[in-house]
Protein backbone atom coordinates (compact mmCIF):
# COMPACT_ATOMS: atom_id res chain seq x y z
CA MET A 1 -18.12 22.14 -34.19
CA SER A 2 -21.35 20.14 -34.75
CA ASN A 3 -19.86 18.61 -38.45
CA LEU A 4 -16.18 18.88 -37.27
CA LEU A 5 -16.20 15.09 -37.94
CA ASP A 6 -17.18 15.06 -41.16
CA GLN A 7 -14.82 17.47 -42.10
CA SER A 8 -10.89 16.51 -43.58
CA VAL A 9 -8.00 15.19 -41.06
CA SER A 10 -6.57 18.24 -41.96
CA ALA A 11 -9.16 20.47 -41.04
CA PHE A 12 -9.96 18.54 -37.45
CA CYS A 13 -6.13 19.10 -36.65
CA GLU A 14 -6.41 22.69 -37.49
CA ALA A 15 -9.85 23.46 -35.37
CA THR A 16 -7.46 21.18 -32.61
CA ALA A 17 -4.71 23.91 -33.08
CA ALA A 18 -6.89 26.99 -33.19
CA LYS A 19 -6.77 28.88 -30.13
CA GLN A 20 -10.60 27.80 -28.69
CA SER A 21 -11.65 25.68 -26.74
CA THR A 22 -12.83 22.32 -28.95
CA PRO A 23 -11.78 20.09 -30.05
CA GLY A 24 -9.09 19.60 -27.01
CA GLY A 25 -7.67 16.70 -25.29
CA GLY A 26 -11.25 14.42 -24.49
CA SER A 27 -12.42 14.93 -28.74
CA VAL A 28 -8.05 13.73 -29.36
CA ALA A 29 -8.93 11.09 -26.94
CA GLY A 30 -11.90 10.01 -28.89
CA VAL A 31 -10.50 10.25 -31.98
CA ALA A 32 -7.33 7.92 -31.06
CA GLY A 33 -9.90 5.70 -29.32
CA ALA A 34 -11.62 5.65 -32.94
CA LEU A 35 -8.72 5.07 -35.27
CA ALA A 36 -7.28 2.29 -32.74
CA THR A 37 -10.40 0.48 -33.07
CA ALA A 38 -10.71 1.23 -36.82
CA LEU A 39 -7.45 -0.24 -37.24
CA SER A 40 -8.41 -3.53 -35.20
CA GLU A 41 -11.14 -3.72 -37.90
CA MET A 42 -8.57 -3.94 -40.51
CA SER A 43 -6.48 -6.17 -39.09
CA LEU A 44 -9.58 -8.46 -39.08
CA ASN A 45 -10.79 -7.78 -42.01
CA TYR A 46 -7.69 -8.91 -43.17
CA SER A 47 -7.81 -12.16 -41.29
CA ARG A 48 -11.47 -12.94 -41.71
CA GLY A 49 -11.88 -15.80 -44.23
CA LYS A 50 -8.43 -17.39 -43.84
CA LYS A 51 -8.42 -21.49 -44.30
CA SER A 52 -6.00 -21.27 -40.96
CA PHE A 53 -8.38 -19.09 -38.60
CA ALA A 54 -11.22 -21.50 -39.60
CA ASP A 55 -11.47 -22.41 -36.10
CA GLN A 56 -11.80 -18.85 -35.35
CA ALA A 57 -14.67 -17.84 -37.92
CA GLU A 58 -16.95 -17.38 -35.48
CA LEU A 59 -14.89 -15.51 -33.16
CA HIS A 60 -14.01 -13.31 -36.39
CA ILE A 61 -17.66 -12.40 -37.03
CA GLN A 62 -18.21 -11.91 -33.17
CA LEU A 63 -15.72 -9.01 -33.29
CA SER A 64 -16.51 -7.74 -36.44
CA SER A 65 -19.97 -6.88 -35.03
CA ARG A 66 -18.02 -5.67 -31.45
CA LEU A 67 -15.69 -3.27 -33.44
CA THR A 68 -18.27 -1.88 -35.74
CA LYS A 69 -20.04 -0.44 -32.39
CA LEU A 70 -17.22 0.25 -30.35
CA ARG A 71 -16.15 2.90 -33.75
CA ALA A 72 -19.75 4.42 -33.61
CA THR A 73 -19.80 4.81 -30.02
CA PHE A 74 -15.92 6.62 -29.66
CA LEU A 75 -17.67 8.91 -32.67
CA ARG A 76 -20.54 9.57 -30.37
CA LEU A 77 -18.36 10.54 -27.22
CA ILE A 78 -16.27 12.91 -29.32
CA ALA A 79 -19.41 15.06 -29.95
CA GLU A 80 -20.72 14.56 -26.37
CA ASP A 81 -17.15 15.73 -25.15
CA MET A 82 -17.54 18.93 -26.81
CA GLN A 83 -20.74 19.41 -26.00
CA ALA A 84 -20.29 18.90 -22.48
CA PHE A 85 -17.37 22.01 -22.37
CA GLU A 86 -19.48 24.03 -24.22
CA MET A 87 -21.91 23.55 -21.10
CA TYR A 88 -19.47 24.15 -19.01
CA GLN A 89 -18.45 27.40 -20.53
CA GLN A 90 -21.98 28.84 -20.76
CA ALA A 91 -22.59 27.74 -17.30
CA THR A 92 -19.78 29.86 -15.86
CA ALA A 93 -20.87 33.01 -18.10
CA MET A 94 -23.91 32.84 -16.08
CA GLU A 95 -24.77 35.20 -13.08
CA PRO A 96 -23.91 34.28 -9.95
CA GLY A 97 -26.45 31.65 -7.99
CA LEU A 98 -28.40 29.05 -7.65
CA ALA A 99 -29.08 28.47 -11.41
CA ARG A 100 -25.49 28.72 -12.31
CA ASP A 101 -24.27 26.44 -9.35
CA GLU A 102 -26.45 23.76 -10.84
CA ALA A 103 -25.74 24.42 -14.46
CA GLU A 104 -21.88 24.42 -13.57
CA SER A 105 -22.23 20.76 -11.27
CA LEU A 106 -24.55 19.20 -14.45
CA ALA A 107 -21.93 20.59 -17.11
CA LEU A 108 -18.69 19.18 -14.96
CA SER A 109 -20.67 15.62 -14.30
CA ALA A 110 -20.35 15.56 -17.99
CA CYS A 111 -16.66 16.49 -18.66
CA ILE A 112 -16.14 13.43 -15.56
CA LYS A 113 -18.43 10.93 -16.91
CA ILE A 114 -17.63 11.05 -20.69
CA PRO A 115 -13.84 10.26 -20.57
CA ARG A 116 -14.69 7.46 -17.85
CA ASP A 117 -16.96 5.53 -20.50
CA MET A 118 -14.09 6.69 -23.20
CA ALA A 119 -12.11 4.20 -21.03
CA GLU A 120 -14.35 1.44 -20.39
CA GLN A 121 -14.46 1.43 -24.13
CA THR A 122 -11.23 1.75 -25.06
CA LEU A 123 -10.64 -1.16 -22.34
CA THR A 124 -13.24 -3.50 -23.68
CA LEU A 125 -10.96 -2.48 -26.95
CA LEU A 126 -7.87 -4.19 -25.91
CA HIS A 127 -9.76 -6.78 -24.51
CA SER A 128 -10.99 -7.38 -28.49
CA LEU A 129 -7.35 -7.33 -29.97
CA GLU A 130 -6.45 -9.42 -27.11
CA SER A 131 -8.73 -11.86 -28.69
CA LEU A 132 -7.87 -11.09 -32.10
CA SER A 133 -3.77 -11.54 -31.53
CA THR A 134 -4.36 -15.60 -31.60
CA CYS A 135 -5.98 -14.97 -34.99
CA CYS A 136 -4.74 -12.34 -36.57
CA THR A 137 -2.70 -12.94 -39.85
CA LYS A 138 0.84 -12.36 -39.41
CA TRP A 139 1.17 -9.59 -41.95
CA LEU A 140 -0.97 -7.55 -40.20
CA ILE A 141 0.61 -8.13 -36.71
CA SER A 142 2.36 -4.80 -36.65
CA ASP A 143 -1.12 -3.02 -37.50
CA LEU A 144 -2.61 -4.63 -34.87
CA LEU A 145 0.31 -3.75 -32.38
CA ALA A 146 -0.15 -0.11 -33.43
CA ALA A 147 -3.91 -0.33 -32.87
CA ALA A 148 -2.86 -1.68 -29.14
CA SER A 149 -0.57 0.85 -28.42
CA LEU A 150 -3.06 3.82 -29.49
CA ALA A 151 -5.81 2.23 -27.34
CA SER A 152 -3.57 2.18 -24.27
CA ALA A 153 -2.82 5.96 -25.40
CA THR A 154 -6.25 6.75 -25.32
CA CYS A 155 -6.78 5.35 -21.84
CA ASP A 156 -3.99 7.53 -20.76
CA LEU A 157 -5.91 10.51 -22.02
CA CYS A 158 -8.75 9.80 -20.70
CA ASP A 159 -7.01 9.34 -17.19
CA PHE A 160 -5.46 12.99 -17.93
CA ASN A 161 -9.52 14.41 -18.51
CA VAL A 162 -10.76 12.92 -15.23
CA ARG A 163 -7.94 14.22 -13.22
CA ILE A 164 -8.02 17.81 -14.28
CA ASN A 165 -11.91 17.83 -14.02
CA THR A 166 -11.87 16.50 -10.99
CA THR A 167 -9.81 19.32 -9.54
CA GLN A 168 -12.86 21.00 -9.27
CA LEU A 169 -14.91 18.82 -7.02
CA PRO A 170 -15.04 18.68 -3.32
CA GLU A 171 -12.50 16.07 -1.06
CA GLY A 172 -14.73 13.28 -0.38
CA ASP A 173 -15.14 9.32 -1.37
CA ALA A 174 -16.89 10.04 -3.94
CA LYS A 175 -13.81 12.44 -5.58
CA ARG A 176 -11.58 9.48 -4.76
CA ASP A 177 -13.46 7.05 -6.00
CA ILE A 178 -13.49 8.56 -9.57
CA LEU A 179 -9.81 9.18 -9.06
CA ALA A 180 -9.11 5.75 -8.25
CA ALA A 181 -10.92 4.02 -10.59
CA SER A 182 -9.70 6.11 -13.18
CA THR A 183 -6.29 5.35 -12.23
CA ALA A 184 -7.22 1.29 -12.22
CA ASP A 185 -8.48 1.26 -15.92
CA ARG A 186 -5.59 3.42 -17.22
CA LYS A 187 -2.93 0.22 -15.59
CA THR A 188 -5.37 -2.08 -16.61
CA ALA A 189 -5.07 -0.99 -20.31
CA ARG A 190 -1.15 -0.44 -20.12
CA ALA A 191 -0.72 -4.32 -19.28
CA LEU A 192 -3.32 -5.60 -21.67
CA PHE A 193 -0.85 -3.85 -24.01
CA GLU A 194 2.07 -5.34 -22.66
CA SER A 195 0.38 -8.49 -22.81
CA ILE A 196 -0.43 -8.20 -26.23
CA GLU A 197 2.86 -7.59 -27.35
CA GLU A 198 4.27 -9.76 -25.69
CA SER A 199 1.94 -12.45 -27.05
CA VAL A 200 2.64 -11.41 -30.82
CA GLU A 201 5.79 -12.52 -32.90
CA LEU A 202 6.99 -9.13 -35.34
C-alpha cells in the first residue's frame, strides 16, 4: 500500500473495491480532500493575473501557497490513515494482555485523530474557497463550487470515520467532546458550502 498514491486512479479504485481493509473510507476521504484542493487550485490558476482581479493579486498569492500545502497535507494524511488502520489490525492480532491493550489504544487514537485532522484541513480549504469566490473568473465558478461540494463531503466522511472509531472508546467526557467537535465541523463545512453557493452565480 505504500506506493498506492503513485499508481493510477484506476488502480486506486480497484484497490478500494478489493476485499481488503485499506484503502477504505478514511483514505477515500483524503483523496476527496486532495481533489477538492486541486480543483480549487485550478480555479485560482485561471483567475490569477486577470486585470479585473488586480486588487486581489496578493490574496491570490496567499491562496496559492495555502492550497499547495493543503493538497500535500491531504496526501500525507491518506498514507497515515492506511498506516493507522494497519497498526490497529496488528494490535488486535497480538496475544491478550497489557501490551496488546496499549497497542490497540495507540492505534485507535491515531484512527480518530487522522480524520479529525482531515476535517480541520477541509475547513481551511472551505474558508479559502470562500475568499476565492469573490475573485474567481466566471468560467471556473462551476469548478469552484464542485471543489466546495467535494470538500463538504470530505468533512462528512471524516465524521463518519470518527463516529465508527469512537464506538470503541469508553463512555465519558472525552468521547462526547470528540463527537461534538466532529459534528460541529461537519455542520460548519455544510454552512460554508451553502454560503459559497449562494454568493456566486452560474
